[in-house]
């Protein structure tokens, strides 16, 4: 499942006094301007067991403030977010979180296939972000498989840094306060 919200991110602000002004090209040439989005962002890896209670996920929303939630579980339950999937997606929309079910998007039903490894689906993540209106993080990835999480720690940061032109990408593993 790939869910992107339809929020308005940009709005055109015009000054009526400039209504009839024209913009003249520099040196007689027109060109597309590019903007540098080089910055620092955060990527947090979360084990499902660390967020099984709603208050743990609330802590993540309030403190990490994810812009993207990538669910890398074979069976993505959202009961730790809200009492129903509809309420969970409403919360994602209210918090401006884009939720992506990675394994569902590529049709993986078992971790015994190479498609379950981040070397395979990492390019899907970068493709989704390239097409998004807002690709910047923070990024949160939820896992229920320790091997996939560990591999992702090494595979995803370079992919994400290249895609988003980040000068730095801080990575961390979220740990529940009850399990520390």
Protein backbone atom coordinates (compact mmCIF):
# COMPACT_ATOMS: atom_id res chain seq x y z
CA UNK A 1 0.00 0.00 0.00
CA UNK A 2 1.41 3.37 -0.99
CA UNK A 3 -0.41 6.27 0.58
CA UNK A 4 0.38 9.86 -0.17
CA UNK A 5 -1.81 12.63 1.13
CA UNK A 6 -3.16 15.46 -0.96
CA UNK A 7 -2.12 18.26 1.34
CA UNK A 8 -1.24 21.62 -0.13
CA UNK A 9 2.42 22.26 0.52
CA UNK A 10 2.97 25.42 -1.46
CA UNK A 11 0.84 28.39 -2.21
CA UNK A 12 1.35 31.23 -4.63
CA UNK A 13 1.53 34.61 -2.99
CA UNK A 14 1.23 37.54 -5.34
CA UNK A 15 1.67 41.21 -4.87
CA UNK A 16 -0.93 43.09 -6.92
CA UNK A 17 1.50 46.00 -7.45
CA UNK A 18 3.72 43.65 -9.47
CA UNK A 19 0.89 42.39 -11.61
CA UNK A 20 2.08 43.96 -14.86
CA UNK A 21 5.81 43.59 -14.29
CA UNK A 22 7.80 41.24 -16.42
CA UNK A 23 10.86 39.34 -15.39
CA UNK A 24 13.81 39.88 -17.70
CA UNK A 25 16.27 37.05 -18.24
CA UNK A 26 19.81 37.58 -17.04
CA UNK A 27 22.26 38.13 -19.95
CA UNK A 28 19.37 37.65 -22.36
CA UNK A 29 19.07 33.95 -21.52
CA UNK A 30 16.34 32.12 -19.66
CA UNK A 31 17.23 29.17 -17.49
CA UNK A 32 15.75 26.88 -14.90
CA UNK A 33 17.02 27.71 -11.45
CA UNK A 34 18.11 24.90 -9.17
CA UNK A 35 17.91 24.92 -5.43
CA UNK A 36 20.32 23.19 -3.13
CA UNK A 37 18.50 21.05 -0.60
CA UNK A 38 21.74 19.90 0.95
CA UNK A 39 21.00 19.54 4.61
CA UNK A 40 20.93 17.17 7.52
CA UNK A 41 18.08 14.74 8.03
CA UNK A 42 17.27 11.86 10.34
CA UNK A 43 16.50 8.21 9.72
CA UNK A 44 15.18 6.15 12.62
CA UNK A 45 14.87 2.37 12.61
CA UNK A 46 12.16 1.01 14.87
CA UNK A 47 11.54 -2.57 15.96
CA UNK A 48 7.87 -3.48 16.08
CA UNK A 49 8.32 -4.81 19.62
CA UNK A 50 9.44 -1.35 20.77
CA UNK A 51 6.20 0.34 19.67
CA UNK A 52 3.50 -2.22 20.44
CA UNK A 53 1.86 0.24 22.81
CA UNK A 54 0.14 3.38 21.50
CA UNK A 55 2.03 5.68 23.87
CA UNK A 56 5.36 4.58 22.36
CA UNK A 57 4.25 5.56 18.87
CA UNK A 58 2.88 8.84 20.25
CA UNK A 59 6.35 9.49 21.66
CA UNK A 60 7.83 8.96 18.19
CA UNK A 61 5.32 11.34 16.60
CA UNK A 62 5.92 14.03 19.21
CA UNK A 63 9.71 13.77 19.41
CA UNK A 64 10.96 12.50 16.07
CA UNK A 65 8.16 14.11 14.05
CA UNK A 66 8.46 11.75 11.08
CA UNK A 67 7.57 13.07 7.65
CA UNK A 68 7.76 9.55 6.19
CA UNK A 69 6.83 6.20 7.75
CA UNK A 70 8.11 3.21 5.80
CA UNK A 71 6.61 -0.04 7.04
CA UNK A 72 8.98 -2.93 6.28
CA UNK A 73 6.91 -5.71 7.83
CA UNK A 74 5.27 -8.63 6.06
CA UNK A 75 2.05 -8.09 8.02
CA UNK A 76 1.72 -4.37 8.78
CA UNK A 77 -0.63 -4.03 11.74
CA UNK A 78 -1.39 -0.49 12.87
CA UNK A 79 -3.03 -1.21 16.22
CA UNK A 80 -0.14 0.48 18.01
CA UNK A 81 -1.12 3.71 16.22
CA UNK A 82 -4.90 3.68 16.72
CA UNK A 83 -7.84 1.35 17.33
CA UNK A 84 -8.55 0.98 13.59
CA UNK A 85 -6.67 1.38 10.31
CA UNK A 86 -9.00 4.25 9.34
CA UNK A 87 -8.11 6.11 12.55
CA UNK A 88 -4.42 5.37 12.03
CA UNK A 89 -4.49 6.85 8.54
CA UNK A 90 -6.44 9.86 9.80
CA UNK A 91 -3.69 10.40 12.40
CA UNK A 92 -1.03 10.10 9.69
CA UNK A 93 -2.86 12.75 7.67
CA UNK A 94 -3.25 15.08 10.67
CA UNK A 95 0.47 14.73 11.48
CA UNK A 96 1.48 15.09 7.81
CA UNK A 97 3.07 11.65 7.75
CA UNK A 98 3.25 9.79 4.47
CA UNK A 99 2.87 6.06 5.12
CA UNK A 100 4.28 3.45 2.73
CA UNK A 101 3.81 -0.32 3.09
CA UNK A 102 7.05 -1.47 1.42
CA UNK A 103 6.50 -5.23 1.48
CA UNK A 104 2.90 -4.84 0.31
CA UNK A 105 3.99 -2.55 -2.52
CA UNK A 106 6.41 -5.15 -3.90
CA UNK A 107 4.27 -8.18 -3.04
CA UNK A 108 6.68 -9.88 -0.63
CA UNK A 109 5.00 -12.42 1.64
CA UNK A 110 8.06 -14.03 3.25
CA UNK A 111 11.51 -12.95 4.40
CA UNK A 112 13.04 -15.94 2.60
CA UNK A 113 13.14 -14.08 -0.71
CA UNK A 114 15.84 -11.70 -1.85
CA UNK A 115 13.14 -9.07 -2.52
CA UNK A 116 12.79 -8.70 1.25
CA UNK A 117 16.33 -7.29 1.52
CA UNK A 118 16.95 -3.53 1.45
CA UNK A 119 19.32 -3.95 -1.49
CA UNK A 120 16.15 -4.70 -3.49
CA UNK A 121 13.45 -2.44 -2.01
CA UNK A 122 15.75 0.47 -1.13
CA UNK A 123 15.48 1.66 -4.72
CA UNK A 124 11.68 1.66 -4.36
CA UNK A 125 12.02 3.99 -1.37
CA UNK A 126 14.24 6.39 -3.30
CA UNK A 127 11.88 6.24 -6.32
CA UNK A 128 8.89 7.12 -4.12
CA UNK A 129 10.79 10.00 -2.57
CA UNK A 130 11.96 11.32 -5.95
CA UNK A 131 8.34 11.52 -7.10
CA UNK A 132 7.06 13.09 -3.88
CA UNK A 133 6.32 16.77 -3.46
CA UNK A 134 8.28 16.77 -0.21
CA UNK A 135 11.00 14.14 -0.03
CA UNK A 136 12.80 15.33 3.06
CA UNK A 137 12.55 13.51 6.37
CA UNK A 138 12.68 12.66 9.14
CA UNK A 139 12.26 9.09 7.95
CA UNK A 140 11.06 6.26 10.20
CA UNK A 141 11.32 2.60 9.17
CA UNK A 142 9.40 -0.06 11.12
CA UNK A 143 10.75 -3.63 11.15
CA UNK A 144 9.72 -6.96 12.65
CA UNK A 145 12.81 -8.78 11.36
CA UNK A 146 16.17 -8.06 13.00
CA UNK A 147 18.24 -9.23 10.00
CA UNK A 148 16.41 -6.87 7.63
CA UNK A 149 16.81 -4.01 10.12
CA UNK A 150 20.57 -4.62 10.45
CA UNK A 151 21.08 -4.83 6.68
CA UNK A 152 19.03 -1.67 6.25
CA UNK A 153 21.36 0.24 8.58
CA UNK A 154 24.16 -0.21 6.05
CA UNK A 155 22.25 -0.12 2.76
CA UNK A 156 19.73 2.70 3.19
CA UNK A 157 21.81 5.69 4.40
CA UNK A 158 24.00 5.96 1.26
CA UNK A 159 20.95 5.51 -1.00
CA UNK A 160 18.99 8.19 0.83
CA UNK A 161 21.90 10.64 1.01
CA UNK A 162 22.48 10.41 -2.73
CA UNK A 163 18.80 10.69 -3.58
CA UNK A 164 18.04 13.67 -1.35
CA UNK A 165 21.40 15.43 -1.73
CA UNK A 166 21.90 15.35 2.02
CA UNK A 167 25.17 16.49 3.50
CA UNK A 168 24.48 14.37 6.57
CA UNK A 169 22.01 11.67 7.51
CA UNK A 170 21.85 10.75 11.16
CA UNK A 171 20.64 7.23 11.82
CA UNK A 172 19.42 5.72 15.05
CA UNK A 173 17.54 2.73 16.40
CA UNK A 174 14.59 3.62 18.60
CA UNK A 175 14.41 1.66 21.85
CA UNK A 176 11.35 1.55 24.08
CA UNK A 177 11.95 3.00 27.50
CA UNK A 178 10.45 -0.17 28.98
CA UNK A 179 12.91 -2.45 27.18
CA UNK A 180 16.10 -0.53 27.97
